[in-house]
Amino acid sequence: MWADVAVKSKKLGAENYSMARAQTKILGDQFQAALITYDEGLLCDDKVLASALWRRFFEKNCNDPRNLETMVKYVRMQIKYLDNMTEEDFRKRNIMWQSIEKT
């Protein structure tokens, strides 16, 4: 992600360096906030996870609560799958993402 940000920032040119740097800082801050929010959601109950998904993933714009419920179930299913992976498969990046239809 950060390599892509650096490449795109260079395309702006030297005259926009300070703007690109400021935008990169904002992006970094938002990314850190998302990590903390999702981490809290994963460690707490489904209400906290739903709140995190609603704010960050759906950008506070989810008119159908069933979609939010499906995402909570999907995230919990993925976390369970990842937790049960062997360390070897994880290191080899041998991850088979589960289908959302399984929720």
C-alpha atoms as a PDB file:
ATOM      1  CA  MET A   1       0.000   0.000   0.000  1.00  0.00           C
ATOM      2  CA  TRP A   2       2.682   2.505   0.993  1.00  0.00           C
ATOM      3  CA  ALA A   3       4.803   1.745  -2.074  1.00  0.00           C
ATOM      4  CA  ASP A   4       1.776   2.546  -4.238  1.00  0.00           C
ATOM      5  CA  VAL A   5       1.243   5.798  -2.327  1.00  0.00           C
ATOM      6  CA  ALA A   6       4.895   6.760  -2.893  1.00  0.00           C
ATOM      7  CA  VAL A   7       4.704   6.040  -6.632  1.00  0.00           C
ATOM      8  CA  LYS A   8       1.534   8.074  -7.035  1.00  0.00           C
ATOM      9  CA  SER A   9       2.949  10.923  -4.946  1.00  0.00           C
ATOM     10  CA  LYS A  10       6.018  11.149  -7.207  1.00  0.00           C
ATOM     11  CA  LYS A  11       3.737  11.524 -10.218  1.00  0.00           C
ATOM     12  CA  LEU A  12       2.458  14.777  -8.715  1.00  0.00           C
ATOM     13  CA  GLY A  13       5.895  16.320  -9.146  1.00  0.00           C
ATOM     14  CA  ALA A  14       8.136  18.435  -6.935  1.00  0.00           C
ATOM     15  CA  GLU A  15       5.792  21.429  -6.934  1.00  0.00           C
ATOM     16  CA  ASN A  16       3.173  19.364  -5.104  1.00  0.00           C
ATOM     17  CA  TYR A  17       5.547  17.671  -2.649  1.00  0.00           C
ATOM     18  CA  SER A  18       4.207  19.372   0.480  1.00  0.00           C
ATOM     19  CA  MET A  19       0.612  18.617  -0.498  1.00  0.00           C
ATOM     20  CA  ALA A  20       1.466  14.963  -1.225  1.00  0.00           C
ATOM     21  CA  ARG A  21       3.284  14.682   2.097  1.00  0.00           C
ATOM     22  CA  ALA A  22       0.320  16.139   3.990  1.00  0.00           C
ATOM     23  CA  GLN A  23      -2.111  13.820   2.210  1.00  0.00           C
ATOM     24  CA  THR A  24       0.119  10.815   2.946  1.00  0.00           C
ATOM     25  CA  LYS A  25       0.128  11.748   6.640  1.00  0.00           C
ATOM     26  CA  ILE A  26      -3.677  11.996   6.631  1.00  0.00           C
ATOM     27  CA  LEU A  27      -3.908   8.610   4.905  1.00  0.00           C
ATOM     28  CA  GLY A  28      -1.541   7.112   7.481  1.00  0.00           C
ATOM     29  CA  ASP A  29      -3.578   8.524  10.347  1.00  0.00           C
ATOM     30  CA  GLN A  30      -6.797   7.152   8.843  1.00  0.00           C
ATOM     31  CA  PHE A  31      -5.180   3.756   8.331  1.00  0.00           C
ATOM     32  CA  GLN A  32      -4.015   3.635  11.964  1.00  0.00           C
ATOM     33  CA  ALA A  33      -7.490   4.623  13.158  1.00  0.00           C
ATOM     34  CA  ALA A  34      -9.039   1.875  11.032  1.00  0.00           C
ATOM     35  CA  LEU A  35      -6.655  -0.727  12.476  1.00  0.00           C
ATOM     36  CA  ILE A  36      -7.503   0.279  16.031  1.00  0.00           C
ATOM     37  CA  THR A  37     -11.229   0.366  15.293  1.00  0.00           C
ATOM     38  CA  TYR A  38     -11.249  -3.061  13.644  1.00  0.00           C
ATOM     39  CA  ASP A  39      -9.024  -4.524  16.354  1.00  0.00           C
ATOM     40  CA  GLU A  40     -11.444  -3.340  19.026  1.00  0.00           C
ATOM     41  CA  GLY A  41     -14.340  -4.767  17.015  1.00  0.00           C
ATOM     42  CA  LEU A  42     -12.641  -8.141  16.710  1.00  0.00           C
ATOM     43  CA  LEU A  43     -11.836  -8.300  20.410  1.00  0.00           C
ATOM     44  CA  CYS A  44     -15.282  -7.198  21.577  1.00  0.00           C
ATOM     45  CA  ASP A  45     -18.795  -8.280  20.697  1.00  0.00           C
ATOM     46  CA  ASP A  46     -20.666  -8.133  17.395  1.00  0.00           C
ATOM     47  CA  LYS A  47     -22.147  -4.718  18.206  1.00  0.00           C
ATOM     48  CA  VAL A  48     -18.685  -3.162  18.398  1.00  0.00           C
ATOM     49  CA  LEU A  49     -17.578  -4.928  15.210  1.00  0.00           C
ATOM     50  CA  ALA A  50     -20.768  -3.836  13.442  1.00  0.00           C
ATOM     51  CA  SER A  51     -20.121  -0.263  14.522  1.00  0.00           C
ATOM     52  CA  ALA A  52     -16.557  -0.413  13.188  1.00  0.00           C
ATOM     53  CA  LEU A  53     -17.698  -1.864   9.868  1.00  0.00           C
ATOM     54  CA  TRP A  54     -20.512   0.671   9.573  1.00  0.00           C
ATOM     55  CA  ARG A  55     -18.130   3.598  10.162  1.00  0.00           C
ATOM     56  CA  ARG A  56     -15.099   2.422   8.170  1.00  0.00           C
ATOM     57  CA  PHE A  57     -16.285  -0.083   5.531  1.00  0.00           C
ATOM     58  CA  PHE A  58     -19.751   1.260   4.789  1.00  0.00           C
ATOM     59  CA  GLU A  59     -18.706   4.885   5.484  1.00  0.00           C
ATOM     60  CA  LYS A  60     -21.821   5.355   7.661  1.00  0.00           C
ATOM     61  CA  ASN A  61     -24.022   4.608   4.657  1.00  0.00           C
ATOM     62  CA  CYS A  62     -25.670   1.205   5.010  1.00  0.00           C
ATOM     63  CA  ASN A  63     -29.422   1.364   4.571  1.00  0.00           C
ATOM     64  CA  ASP A  64     -30.007  -2.372   4.914  1.00  0.00           C
ATOM     65  CA  PRO A  65     -29.007  -3.776   8.321  1.00  0.00           C
ATOM     66  CA  ARG A  66     -28.931  -7.258   6.796  1.00  0.00           C
ATOM     67  CA  ASN A  67     -25.855  -6.232   4.791  1.00  0.00           C
ATOM     68  CA  LEU A  68     -24.128  -5.120   7.971  1.00  0.00           C
ATOM     69  CA  GLU A  69     -25.120  -8.353   9.714  1.00  0.00           C
ATOM     70  CA  THR A  70     -23.745 -10.362   6.783  1.00  0.00           C
ATOM     71  CA  MET A  71     -20.436  -8.491   6.962  1.00  0.00           C
ATOM     72  CA  VAL A  72     -20.128  -9.117  10.710  1.00  0.00           C
ATOM     73  CA  LYS A  73     -20.738 -12.842  10.161  1.00  0.00           C
ATOM     74  CA  TYR A  74     -18.291 -12.889   7.249  1.00  0.00           C
ATOM     75  CA  VAL A  75     -15.531 -11.167   9.214  1.00  0.00           C
ATOM     76  CA  ARG A  76     -16.021 -13.528  12.165  1.00  0.00           C
ATOM     77  CA  MET A  77     -15.930 -16.513   9.786  1.00  0.00           C
ATOM     78  CA  GLN A  78     -12.708 -15.272   8.155  1.00  0.00           C
ATOM     79  CA  ILE A  79     -11.044 -14.643  11.513  1.00  0.00           C
ATOM     80  CA  LYS A  80     -11.946 -18.154  12.671  1.00  0.00           C
ATOM     81  CA  TYR A  81     -10.519 -19.571   9.438  1.00  0.00           C
ATOM     82  CA  LEU A  82      -7.284 -17.569   9.795  1.00  0.00           C
ATOM     83  CA  ASP A  83      -6.952 -18.509  13.473  1.00  0.00           C
ATOM     84  CA  ASN A  84      -7.190 -22.196  12.573  1.00  0.00           C
ATOM     85  CA  MET A  85      -4.565 -22.040   9.805  1.00  0.00           C
ATOM     86  CA  THR A  86      -1.222 -23.672  10.348  1.00  0.00           C
ATOM     87  CA  GLU A  87       1.704 -21.318  10.748  1.00  0.00           C
ATOM     88  CA  GLU A  88       3.312 -22.889   7.685  1.00  0.00           C
ATOM     89  CA  ASP A  89       0.284 -22.212   5.463  1.00  0.00           C
ATOM     90  CA  PHE A  90       0.072 -18.676   6.788  1.00  0.00           C
ATOM     91  CA  ARG A  91       3.753 -17.993   6.073  1.00  0.00           C
ATOM     92  CA  LYS A  92       3.415 -19.441   2.590  1.00  0.00           C
ATOM     93  CA  ARG A  93       0.388 -17.194   2.118  1.00  0.00           C
ATOM     94  CA  ASN A  94      -1.613 -20.290   1.331  1.00  0.00           C
ATOM     95  CA  ILE A  95      -4.877 -18.554   2.205  1.00  0.00           C
ATOM     96  CA  MET A  96      -8.140 -19.554   0.598  1.00  0.00           C
ATOM     97  CA  TRP A  97     -10.554 -16.716   1.303  1.00  0.00           C
ATOM     98  CA  GLN A  98     -13.986 -17.975   2.205  1.00  0.00           C
ATOM     99  CA  SER A  99     -16.989 -17.100   0.078  1.00  0.00           C
ATOM    100  CA  ILE A 100     -19.404 -14.578   1.557  1.00  0.00           C
ATOM    101  CA  GLU A 101     -22.211 -16.904   0.457  1.00  0.00           C
ATOM    102  CA  LYS A 102     -21.185 -19.232   3.308  1.00  0.00           C
ATOM    103  CA  THR A 103     -22.465 -16.714   5.871  1.00  0.00           C
END
